[in-house]
Amino acid sequence: MLVQTDTRRRITLPPQSGVKSGDTLDVEFLEDGRIVLIPVETVPRHQLWAWTSDSKQMITAALVDSRPSVIVETSDQATVVADRWSDEG
């Protein structure tokens, strides 16, 4: 498919590209002159802690944890659960 730049060097992507208005794209300029557009989801700075390798490992471990889920509604219940789980380690 051929597209042509406008006077400001912009191009319009066709609807079948899957790119919508407001999407964020990473642009890579390859040595052979090709330009690659990669759709990305940005992570707000305050959530970057969750994307460290340590955090990912802890999240993965939590997802396979065989202990039953517990609904905690008060601080007293949280203390009981925390004490019980700290004794398991």
Protein backbone atom coordinates (compact mmCIF):
# COMPACT_ATOMS: atom_id res chain seq x y z
CA MET A 1 0.00 0.00 0.00
CA LEU A 2 1.31 3.42 -0.89
CA VAL A 3 0.64 6.51 1.17
CA GLN A 4 1.86 10.00 0.53
CA THR A 5 3.06 12.57 3.04
CA ASP A 6 1.36 15.93 3.24
CA THR A 7 3.15 19.30 3.41
CA ARG A 8 4.04 18.66 7.07
CA ARG A 9 5.46 15.14 6.38
CA ARG A 10 2.41 13.46 7.95
CA ILE A 11 0.75 10.32 6.63
CA THR A 12 -2.76 8.99 7.11
CA LEU A 13 -3.01 5.33 8.09
CA PRO A 14 -5.95 3.39 6.67
CA PRO A 15 -8.61 2.04 9.07
CA GLN A 16 -7.49 -1.56 8.50
CA SER A 17 -4.14 -0.70 10.17
CA GLY A 18 -5.92 -0.95 13.52
CA VAL A 19 -4.40 2.34 14.69
CA LYS A 20 -6.96 4.72 16.14
CA SER A 21 -6.80 8.41 16.90
CA GLY A 22 -4.91 8.96 20.15
CA ASP A 23 -3.01 5.64 20.02
CA THR A 24 0.64 5.77 21.04
CA LEU A 25 3.20 4.42 18.58
CA ASP A 26 6.91 3.73 18.93
CA VAL A 27 8.74 4.73 15.75
CA GLU A 28 11.85 2.83 14.68
CA PHE A 29 14.04 4.03 11.82
CA LEU A 30 15.91 1.07 10.36
CA GLU A 31 19.30 1.36 8.69
CA ASP A 32 17.85 0.32 5.35
CA GLY A 33 15.47 3.32 5.36
CA ARG A 34 12.35 1.51 6.51
CA ILE A 35 10.19 3.05 9.22
CA VAL A 36 8.46 0.69 11.65
CA LEU A 37 5.47 1.81 13.74
CA ILE A 38 4.87 -0.26 16.87
CA PRO A 39 1.66 0.27 18.90
CA VAL A 40 2.47 0.58 22.62
CA GLU A 41 0.59 1.05 25.86
CA THR A 42 2.28 3.58 28.10
CA VAL A 43 2.60 3.01 31.83
CA PRO A 44 2.05 5.99 34.13
CA ARG A 45 5.22 6.81 36.11
CA HIS A 46 3.54 6.04 39.44
CA GLN A 47 2.84 2.48 38.23
CA LEU A 48 6.37 1.69 37.02
CA TRP A 49 7.14 -0.17 40.26
CA ALA A 50 4.93 -3.01 39.02
CA TRP A 51 7.09 -3.48 35.93
CA THR A 52 10.37 -4.33 37.63
CA SER A 53 11.54 -7.94 37.31
CA ASP A 54 11.20 -8.44 41.10
CA SER A 55 7.61 -7.19 41.08
CA LYS A 56 6.72 -9.35 38.08
CA GLN A 57 8.11 -12.42 39.86
CA MET A 58 6.11 -11.64 43.01
CA ILE A 59 2.92 -11.11 40.99
CA THR A 60 3.47 -14.39 39.13
CA ALA A 61 4.03 -16.21 42.42
CA ALA A 62 0.88 -14.67 43.87
CA LEU A 63 -1.17 -15.85 40.90
CA VAL A 64 -0.16 -19.48 41.45
CA ASP A 65 -0.50 -19.29 45.25
CA SER A 66 -2.64 -22.22 46.39
CA ARG A 67 -3.89 -20.51 49.52
CA PRO A 68 -7.57 -19.56 49.32
CA SER A 69 -8.46 -15.91 48.83
CA VAL A 70 -9.54 -14.06 51.95
CA ILE A 71 -11.76 -10.99 51.99
CA VAL A 72 -10.37 -8.49 54.48
CA GLU A 73 -12.66 -5.67 55.54
CA THR A 74 -11.12 -4.45 58.80
CA SER A 75 -7.61 -3.84 60.09
CA ASP A 76 -8.12 -6.56 62.71
CA GLN A 77 -8.88 -9.10 59.96
CA ALA A 78 -5.80 -7.91 58.05
CA THR A 79 -3.62 -8.46 61.14
CA VAL A 80 -4.97 -12.01 61.61
CA VAL A 81 -4.31 -12.92 57.96
CA ALA A 82 -0.85 -11.31 57.95
CA ASP A 83 0.12 -13.13 61.16
CA ARG A 84 -1.13 -16.45 59.80
CA TRP A 85 0.73 -16.05 56.49
CA SER A 86 3.95 -14.83 58.14
CA ASP A 87 4.00 -18.07 60.17
CA GLU A 88 3.90 -20.05 56.90
CA GLY A 89 7.14 -18.55 55.58
